[in-house]
Amino acid sequence: MDLKQLLKEANADNDYGRLLDLVPYARFIGMACERFGDEMVFRLPPKEQNLGNPMLPALHGGVIAGFMEMSAILQLMVLMQTTRVPKIVDFSIDYLRAGYARETYCECKITRQGRRVANVSVSCWQTNRKQPIATARAHFLID
């Protein structure tokens, strides 16, 4: 099955698990996605292998960044119905507070989409959407 057909079926069923299963890292960290109208919310379950500091316990910063980057890529692919994976040009992350070993959520907003480049802002939180644990800005090359 080609990527365009998979995207179409995922949108029809509101089930993005098969798309995420195609990405080994997303599968490894346990990433999931739910869509509510035009809003997509990504979820990262608490897993021991995602910890960077087991004493707190806190998520590894690279896991948070990878989760946020994968979320932005998937959102671009779904909303643009693209057949190609967007290429990362720049990714800048601000860690605002510790991400503890609990459910973690992420949402993305496409702030600008041109013919060749898309800008995405990403917010990641745990217990309160208004208190993010990290925010990011990403630029992608799209075809």
N, C-alpha and C. Protein backbone atom coordinates (compact mmCIF):
# COMPACT_ATOMS: atom_id res chain seq x y z
N MET A 1 0.84 -1.18 0.00
CA MET A 1 0.00 0.00 0.00
C MET A 1 0.89 1.24 0.00
N ASP A 2 0.56 2.22 -0.83
CA ASP A 2 1.38 3.42 -0.90
C ASP A 2 0.99 4.39 0.21
N LEU A 3 1.85 5.38 0.42
CA LEU A 3 1.69 6.33 1.52
C LEU A 3 0.43 7.17 1.37
N LYS A 4 0.10 7.58 0.16
CA LYS A 4 -1.09 8.41 -0.06
C LYS A 4 -2.36 7.66 0.34
N GLN A 5 -2.44 6.38 -0.02
CA GLN A 5 -3.60 5.56 0.34
C GLN A 5 -3.66 5.35 1.85
N LEU A 6 -2.51 5.13 2.47
CA LEU A 6 -2.44 4.95 3.92
C LEU A 6 -2.90 6.21 4.65
N LEU A 7 -2.48 7.38 4.17
CA LEU A 7 -2.92 8.65 4.75
C LEU A 7 -4.43 8.83 4.61
N LYS A 8 -4.96 8.48 3.45
CA LYS A 8 -6.39 8.62 3.20
C LYS A 8 -7.18 7.73 4.15
N GLU A 9 -6.74 6.49 4.32
CA GLU A 9 -7.42 5.57 5.23
C GLU A 9 -7.31 6.01 6.68
N ALA A 10 -6.14 6.53 7.06
CA ALA A 10 -5.94 7.02 8.43
C ALA A 10 -6.87 8.18 8.73
N ASN A 11 -7.03 9.09 7.77
CA ASN A 11 -7.95 10.21 7.96
C ASN A 11 -9.39 9.75 8.04
N ALA A 12 -9.75 8.78 7.22
CA ALA A 12 -11.12 8.28 7.21
C ALA A 12 -11.46 7.58 8.53
N ASP A 13 -10.52 6.81 9.07
CA ASP A 13 -10.75 6.04 10.30
C ASP A 13 -10.37 6.80 11.57
N ASN A 14 -9.69 7.94 11.43
CA ASN A 14 -9.11 8.65 12.57
C ASN A 14 -8.18 7.74 13.37
N ASP A 15 -7.47 6.87 12.67
CA ASP A 15 -6.52 5.95 13.30
C ASP A 15 -5.17 6.12 12.62
N TYR A 16 -4.24 6.72 13.35
CA TYR A 16 -2.93 7.02 12.79
C TYR A 16 -1.86 6.04 13.27
N GLY A 17 -2.29 4.98 13.91
CA GLY A 17 -1.37 3.97 14.42
C GLY A 17 -0.55 3.29 13.34
N ARG A 18 -1.18 3.00 12.20
CA ARG A 18 -0.45 2.34 11.11
C ARG A 18 0.60 3.26 10.51
N LEU A 19 0.32 4.55 10.47
CA LEU A 19 1.34 5.50 10.00
C LEU A 19 2.52 5.54 10.96
N LEU A 20 2.22 5.61 12.25
CA LEU A 20 3.29 5.66 13.25
C LEU A 20 4.07 4.35 13.30
N ASP A 21 3.43 3.24 12.99
CA ASP A 21 4.13 1.96 12.98
C ASP A 21 5.18 1.87 11.88
N LEU A 22 5.06 2.72 10.86
CA LEU A 22 6.05 2.74 9.78
C LEU A 22 7.37 3.38 10.22
N VAL A 23 7.33 4.12 11.34
CA VAL A 23 8.52 4.82 11.83
C VAL A 23 9.04 4.07 13.06
N PRO A 24 10.19 3.40 12.95
CA PRO A 24 10.69 2.60 14.07
C PRO A 24 10.85 3.39 15.37
N TYR A 25 11.32 4.64 15.30
CA TYR A 25 11.52 5.42 16.53
C TYR A 25 10.18 5.73 17.19
N ALA A 26 9.17 6.10 16.41
CA ALA A 26 7.85 6.39 16.97
C ALA A 26 7.28 5.14 17.65
N ARG A 27 7.50 4.00 17.04
CA ARG A 27 7.06 2.73 17.62
C ARG A 27 7.82 2.43 18.91
N PHE A 28 9.12 2.70 18.92
CA PHE A 28 9.97 2.41 20.08
C PHE A 28 9.56 3.24 21.31
N ILE A 29 9.29 4.53 21.10
CA ILE A 29 8.92 5.38 22.25
C ILE A 29 7.45 5.25 22.61
N GLY A 30 6.65 4.61 21.75
CA GLY A 30 5.24 4.35 22.05
C GLY A 30 4.30 5.48 21.67
N MET A 31 4.70 6.28 20.72
CA MET A 31 3.93 7.45 20.31
C MET A 31 2.56 7.06 19.74
N ALA A 32 1.54 7.88 20.05
CA ALA A 32 0.19 7.67 19.52
C ALA A 32 -0.40 9.02 19.13
N CYS A 33 -1.49 9.00 18.38
CA CYS A 33 -2.09 10.23 17.89
C CYS A 33 -3.61 10.10 17.88
N GLU A 34 -4.27 11.18 18.28
CA GLU A 34 -5.72 11.25 18.20
C GLU A 34 -6.10 12.57 17.54
N ARG A 35 -7.16 12.53 16.75
CA ARG A 35 -7.60 13.73 16.05
C ARG A 35 -8.98 14.13 16.53
N PHE A 36 -9.14 15.42 16.81
CA PHE A 36 -10.41 15.99 17.24
C PHE A 36 -10.74 17.13 16.28
N GLY A 37 -11.48 16.84 15.23
CA GLY A 37 -11.75 17.85 14.20
C GLY A 37 -10.47 18.18 13.46
N ASP A 38 -10.10 19.45 13.46
CA ASP A 38 -8.86 19.87 12.81
C ASP A 38 -7.66 19.79 13.74
N GLU A 39 -7.89 19.49 15.01
CA GLU A 39 -6.81 19.45 16.00
C GLU A 39 -6.30 18.02 16.16
N MET A 40 -4.98 17.89 16.13
CA MET A 40 -4.36 16.59 16.38
C MET A 40 -3.59 16.69 17.69
N VAL A 41 -3.78 15.71 18.55
CA VAL A 41 -3.06 15.65 19.82
C VAL A 41 -2.25 14.36 19.83
N PHE A 42 -0.96 14.50 20.08
CA PHE A 42 -0.05 13.35 20.11
C PHE A 42 0.20 12.97 21.56
N ARG A 43 0.35 11.67 21.80
CA ARG A 43 0.51 11.17 23.16
C ARG A 43 1.74 10.29 23.27
N LEU A 44 2.45 10.47 24.36
CA LEU A 44 3.62 9.65 24.67
C LEU A 44 3.36 9.01 26.03
N PRO A 45 3.19 7.68 26.07
CA PRO A 45 2.91 7.03 27.34
C PRO A 45 4.17 6.93 28.20
N PRO A 46 4.01 6.80 29.51
CA PRO A 46 5.19 6.62 30.36
C PRO A 46 5.81 5.24 30.13
N LYS A 47 7.06 5.23 29.75
CA LYS A 47 7.79 3.97 29.52
C LYS A 47 9.17 4.12 30.15
N GLU A 48 9.62 3.06 30.77
CA GLU A 48 10.92 3.10 31.46
C GLU A 48 12.07 3.40 30.50
N GLN A 49 11.99 2.89 29.26
CA GLN A 49 13.08 3.12 28.31
C GLN A 49 13.15 4.56 27.82
N ASN A 50 12.12 5.38 28.10
CA ASN A 50 12.13 6.78 27.70
C ASN A 50 12.73 7.70 28.75
N LEU A 51 13.15 7.13 29.87
CA LEU A 51 13.69 7.93 30.97
C LEU A 51 15.14 8.30 30.73
N GLY A 52 15.48 9.53 31.10
CA GLY A 52 16.86 9.98 31.07
C GLY A 52 17.44 10.02 32.47
N ASN A 53 16.59 10.33 33.46
CA ASN A 53 17.00 10.37 34.85
C ASN A 53 16.05 9.50 35.66
N PRO A 54 16.45 8.25 35.92
CA PRO A 54 15.55 7.34 36.65
C PRO A 54 15.38 7.71 38.12
N MET A 55 16.22 8.60 38.65
CA MET A 55 16.11 9.00 40.06
C MET A 55 14.89 9.90 40.28
N LEU A 56 14.55 10.76 39.31
CA LEU A 56 13.41 11.68 39.49
C LEU A 56 12.06 10.97 39.42
N PRO A 57 11.69 10.20 38.57
CA PRO A 57 12.14 9.85 37.23
C PRO A 57 11.67 10.90 36.21
N ALA A 58 12.54 11.22 35.24
CA ALA A 58 12.25 12.23 34.24
C ALA A 58 12.55 11.70 32.85
N LEU A 59 11.79 12.18 31.88
CA LEU A 59 12.01 11.79 30.48
C LEU A 59 13.34 12.32 29.98
N HIS A 60 13.93 11.58 29.06
CA HIS A 60 15.17 12.01 28.40
C HIS A 60 14.82 13.17 27.47
N GLY A 61 15.66 14.20 27.45
CA GLY A 61 15.42 15.35 26.60
C GLY A 61 15.36 15.00 25.12
N GLY A 62 16.14 14.03 24.70
CA GLY A 62 16.11 13.59 23.31
C GLY A 62 14.81 12.91 22.94
N VAL A 63 14.21 12.21 23.90
CA VAL A 63 12.91 11.58 23.66
C VAL A 63 11.85 12.66 23.48
N ILE A 64 11.90 13.69 24.32
CA ILE A 64 10.94 14.79 24.19
C ILE A 64 11.10 15.47 22.83
N ALA A 65 12.34 15.76 22.45
CA ALA A 65 12.60 16.43 21.16
C ALA A 65 12.16 15.54 19.98
N GLY A 66 12.49 14.26 20.03
CA GLY A 66 12.09 13.34 18.97
C GLY A 66 10.58 13.21 18.87
N PHE A 67 9.92 13.17 20.00
CA PHE A 67 8.45 13.11 20.05
C PHE A 67 7.86 14.36 19.40
N MET A 68 8.40 15.51 19.72
CA MET A 68 7.89 16.76 19.17
C MET A 68 8.16 16.86 17.66
N GLU A 69 9.34 16.45 17.23
CA GLU A 69 9.68 16.50 15.81
C GLU A 69 8.80 15.54 15.00
N MET A 70 8.63 14.33 15.50
CA MET A 70 7.78 13.36 14.81
C MET A 70 6.33 13.84 14.74
N SER A 71 5.88 14.51 15.79
CA SER A 71 4.51 15.05 15.80
C SER A 71 4.34 16.09 14.71
N ALA A 72 5.30 16.99 14.57
CA ALA A 72 5.22 18.03 13.55
C ALA A 72 5.23 17.42 12.15
N ILE A 73 6.07 16.43 11.93
CA ILE A 73 6.14 15.77 10.62
C ILE A 73 4.82 15.10 10.29
N LEU A 74 4.26 14.34 11.24
CA LEU A 74 3.01 13.64 10.99
C LEU A 74 1.87 14.63 10.74
N GLN A 75 1.83 15.70 11.50
CA GLN A 75 0.77 16.69 11.30
C GLN A 75 0.86 17.31 9.91
N LEU A 76 2.05 17.65 9.47
CA LEU A 76 2.22 18.20 8.13
C LEU A 76 1.76 17.19 7.07
N MET A 77 2.15 15.94 7.23
CA MET A 77 1.78 14.92 6.25
C MET A 77 0.26 14.73 6.19
N VAL A 78 -0.38 14.71 7.33
CA VAL A 78 -1.83 14.47 7.37
C VAL A 78 -2.59 15.66 6.81
N LEU A 79 -2.25 16.85 7.24
CA LEU A 79 -3.01 18.02 6.80
C LEU A 79 -2.74 18.39 5.35
N MET A 80 -1.54 18.10 4.85
CA MET A 80 -1.21 18.43 3.47
C MET A 80 -1.50 17.28 2.52
N GLN A 81 -1.80 16.09 3.06
CA GLN A 81 -2.03 14.89 2.24
C GLN A 81 -0.87 14.67 1.27
N THR A 82 0.35 14.77 1.80
CA THR A 82 1.56 14.64 0.99
C THR A 82 1.96 13.19 0.81
N THR A 83 2.67 12.92 -0.25
CA THR A 83 3.16 11.56 -0.48
C THR A 83 4.62 11.43 -0.07
N ARG A 84 5.21 12.53 0.35
CA ARG A 84 6.61 12.50 0.78
C ARG A 84 6.73 13.01 2.21
N VAL A 85 7.71 12.48 2.91
CA VAL A 85 7.97 12.93 4.27
C VAL A 85 8.68 14.27 4.22
N PRO A 86 8.17 15.30 4.93
CA PRO A 86 8.84 16.60 4.94
C PRO A 86 10.26 16.47 5.51
N LYS A 87 11.18 17.23 4.95
CA LYS A 87 12.57 17.20 5.40
C LYS A 87 12.81 18.33 6.38
N ILE A 88 13.44 18.00 7.50
CA ILE A 88 13.71 19.00 8.53
C ILE A 88 14.82 19.94 8.06
N VAL A 89 14.58 21.23 8.19
CA VAL A 89 15.58 22.24 7.87
C VAL A 89 16.19 22.76 9.16
N ASP A 90 15.31 23.04 10.14
CA ASP A 90 15.76 23.62 11.40
C ASP A 90 14.79 23.19 12.50
N PHE A 91 15.32 22.88 13.67
CA PHE A 91 14.49 22.52 14.81
C PHE A 91 15.10 23.15 16.04
N SER A 92 14.35 24.02 16.70
CA SER A 92 14.84 24.71 17.89
C SER A 92 13.87 24.43 19.03
N ILE A 93 14.41 23.90 20.13
CA ILE A 93 13.56 23.50 21.26
C ILE A 93 13.96 24.27 22.51
N ASP A 94 12.95 24.62 23.30
CA ASP A 94 13.16 25.26 24.60
C ASP A 94 12.57 24.33 25.65
N TYR A 95 13.43 23.84 26.55
CA TYR A 95 12.97 22.99 27.66
C TYR A 95 12.59 23.93 28.80
N LEU A 96 11.34 23.86 29.24
CA LEU A 96 10.83 24.81 30.22
C LEU A 96 10.76 24.26 31.64
N ARG A 97 10.52 22.97 31.76
CA ARG A 97 10.47 22.31 33.08
C ARG A 97 10.69 20.82 32.89
N ALA A 98 10.89 20.12 33.97
CA ALA A 98 11.15 18.68 33.89
C ALA A 98 9.93 17.94 33.36
N GLY A 99 10.19 16.97 32.50
CA GLY A 99 9.13 16.09 32.00
C GLY A 99 9.20 14.79 32.78
N TYR A 100 8.27 14.62 33.69
CA TYR A 100 8.30 13.44 34.54
C TYR A 100 7.74 12.21 33.81
N ALA A 101 7.90 11.06 34.43
CA ALA A 101 7.46 9.79 33.84
C ALA A 101 5.95 9.66 34.00
N ARG A 102 5.22 10.37 33.13
CA ARG A 102 3.76 10.31 33.09
C ARG A 102 3.31 10.60 31.68
N GLU A 103 2.03 10.47 31.42
CA GLU A 103 1.50 10.76 30.09
C GLU A 103 1.97 12.14 29.64
N THR A 104 2.44 12.21 28.41
CA THR A 104 2.92 13.47 27.85
C THR A 104 2.17 13.71 26.54
N TYR A 105 1.80 14.96 26.33
CA TYR A 105 1.01 15.31 25.15
C TYR A 105 1.71 16.40 24.35
N CYS A 106 1.31 16.50 23.10
CA CYS A 106 1.95 17.44 22.20
C CYS A 106 0.92 17.91 21.18
N GLU A 107 0.97 19.19 20.83
CA GLU A 107 0.14 19.70 19.75
C GLU A 107 0.99 20.60 18.87
N CYS A 108 0.64 20.64 17.60
CA CYS A 108 1.40 21.41 16.62
C CYS A 108 0.49 22.39 15.91
N LYS A 109 1.05 23.53 15.57
CA LYS A 109 0.33 24.52 14.78
C LYS A 109 1.20 24.90 13.59
N ILE A 110 0.65 24.78 12.41
CA ILE A 110 1.38 25.20 11.21
C ILE A 110 1.23 26.71 11.13
N THR A 111 2.33 27.42 11.37
CA THR A 111 2.27 28.88 11.42
C THR A 111 2.41 29.52 10.05
N ARG A 112 3.06 28.83 9.15
CA ARG A 112 3.21 29.32 7.78
C ARG A 112 3.46 28.14 6.86
N GLN A 113 2.77 28.15 5.74
CA GLN A 113 3.01 27.11 4.75
C GLN A 113 3.12 27.75 3.38
N GLY A 114 4.31 27.67 2.83
CA GLY A 114 4.54 28.17 1.49
C GLY A 114 4.57 27.01 0.51
N ARG A 115 5.10 27.29 -0.68
CA ARG A 115 5.19 26.22 -1.68
C ARG A 115 6.31 25.24 -1.36
N ARG A 116 7.38 25.73 -0.72
CA ARG A 116 8.53 24.86 -0.47
C ARG A 116 8.86 24.69 1.00
N VAL A 117 8.43 25.62 1.86
CA VAL A 117 8.79 25.57 3.28
C VAL A 117 7.55 25.72 4.14
N ALA A 118 7.52 24.96 5.24
CA ALA A 118 6.45 25.08 6.23
C ALA A 118 7.08 25.34 7.59
N ASN A 119 6.49 26.24 8.35
CA ASN A 119 6.93 26.54 9.71
C ASN A 119 5.90 25.98 10.68
N VAL A 120 6.38 25.31 11.72
CA VAL A 120 5.48 24.66 12.68
C VAL A 120 5.93 25.03 14.09
N SER A 121 4.96 25.41 14.94
CA SER A 121 5.26 25.59 16.36
C SER A 121 4.67 24.40 17.11
N VAL A 122 5.40 23.93 18.11
CA VAL A 122 5.02 22.72 18.82
C VAL A 122 5.04 23.00 20.32
N SER A 123 4.03 22.51 21.02
CA SER A 123 3.95 22.66 22.46
C SER A 123 3.75 21.28 23.09
N CYS A 124 4.51 21.00 24.14
CA CYS A 124 4.48 19.69 24.80
C CYS A 124 4.17 19.90 26.28
N TRP A 125 3.17 19.18 26.82
CA TRP A 125 2.78 19.34 28.21
C TRP A 125 2.46 17.99 28.83
N GLN A 126 2.26 18.00 30.15
CA GLN A 126 1.91 16.77 30.84
C GLN A 126 0.57 16.89 31.57
N THR A 127 0.48 17.67 32.62
CA THR A 127 -0.77 17.73 33.38
C THR A 127 -1.63 18.94 33.03
N ASN A 128 -1.02 19.99 32.50
CA ASN A 128 -1.76 21.21 32.20
C ASN A 128 -1.25 21.78 30.88
N ARG A 129 -2.15 21.92 29.94
CA ARG A 129 -1.77 22.43 28.61
C ARG A 129 -1.17 23.83 28.69
N LYS A 130 -1.55 24.59 29.71
CA LYS A 130 -1.05 25.96 29.86
C LYS A 130 0.31 26.02 30.53
N GLN A 131 0.82 24.87 30.95
CA GLN A 131 2.16 24.80 31.55
C GLN A 131 3.00 23.80 30.77
N PRO A 132 3.48 24.19 29.58
CA PRO A 132 4.25 23.25 28.76
C PRO A 132 5.59 22.89 29.39
N ILE A 133 6.03 21.66 29.12
CA ILE A 133 7.35 21.25 29.58
C ILE A 133 8.40 21.63 28.53
N ALA A 134 7.96 21.81 27.27
CA ALA A 134 8.87 22.23 26.19
C ALA A 134 8.07 22.84 25.05
N THR A 135 8.71 23.76 24.36
CA THR A 135 8.13 24.33 23.14
C THR A 135 9.21 24.25 22.05
N ALA A 136 8.77 24.23 20.81
CA ALA A 136 9.74 24.13 19.71
C ALA A 136 9.23 24.88 18.49
N ARG A 137 10.18 25.26 17.66
CA ARG A 137 9.90 25.84 16.34
C ARG A 137 10.63 25.00 15.32
N ALA A 138 9.93 24.62 14.28
CA ALA A 138 10.54 23.76 13.26
C ALA A 138 10.24 24.31 11.87
N HIS A 139 11.20 24.14 10.99
CA HIS A 139 11.05 24.52 9.59
C HIS A 139 11.29 23.27 8.76
N PHE A 140 10.40 23.03 7.80
CA PHE A 140 10.46 21.83 6.99
C PHE A 140 10.46 22.20 5.51
N LEU A 141 11.21 21.44 4.74
CA LEU A 141 11.18 21.55 3.29
C LEU A 141 10.11 20.58 2.81
N ILE A 142 9.14 21.11 2.07
CA ILE A 142 8.06 20.26 1.56
C ILE A 142 8.08 20.28 0.05
N ASP A 143 7.63 19.19 -0.53
CA ASP A 143 7.57 19.08 -1.99
C ASP A 143 6.16 18.95 -2.46
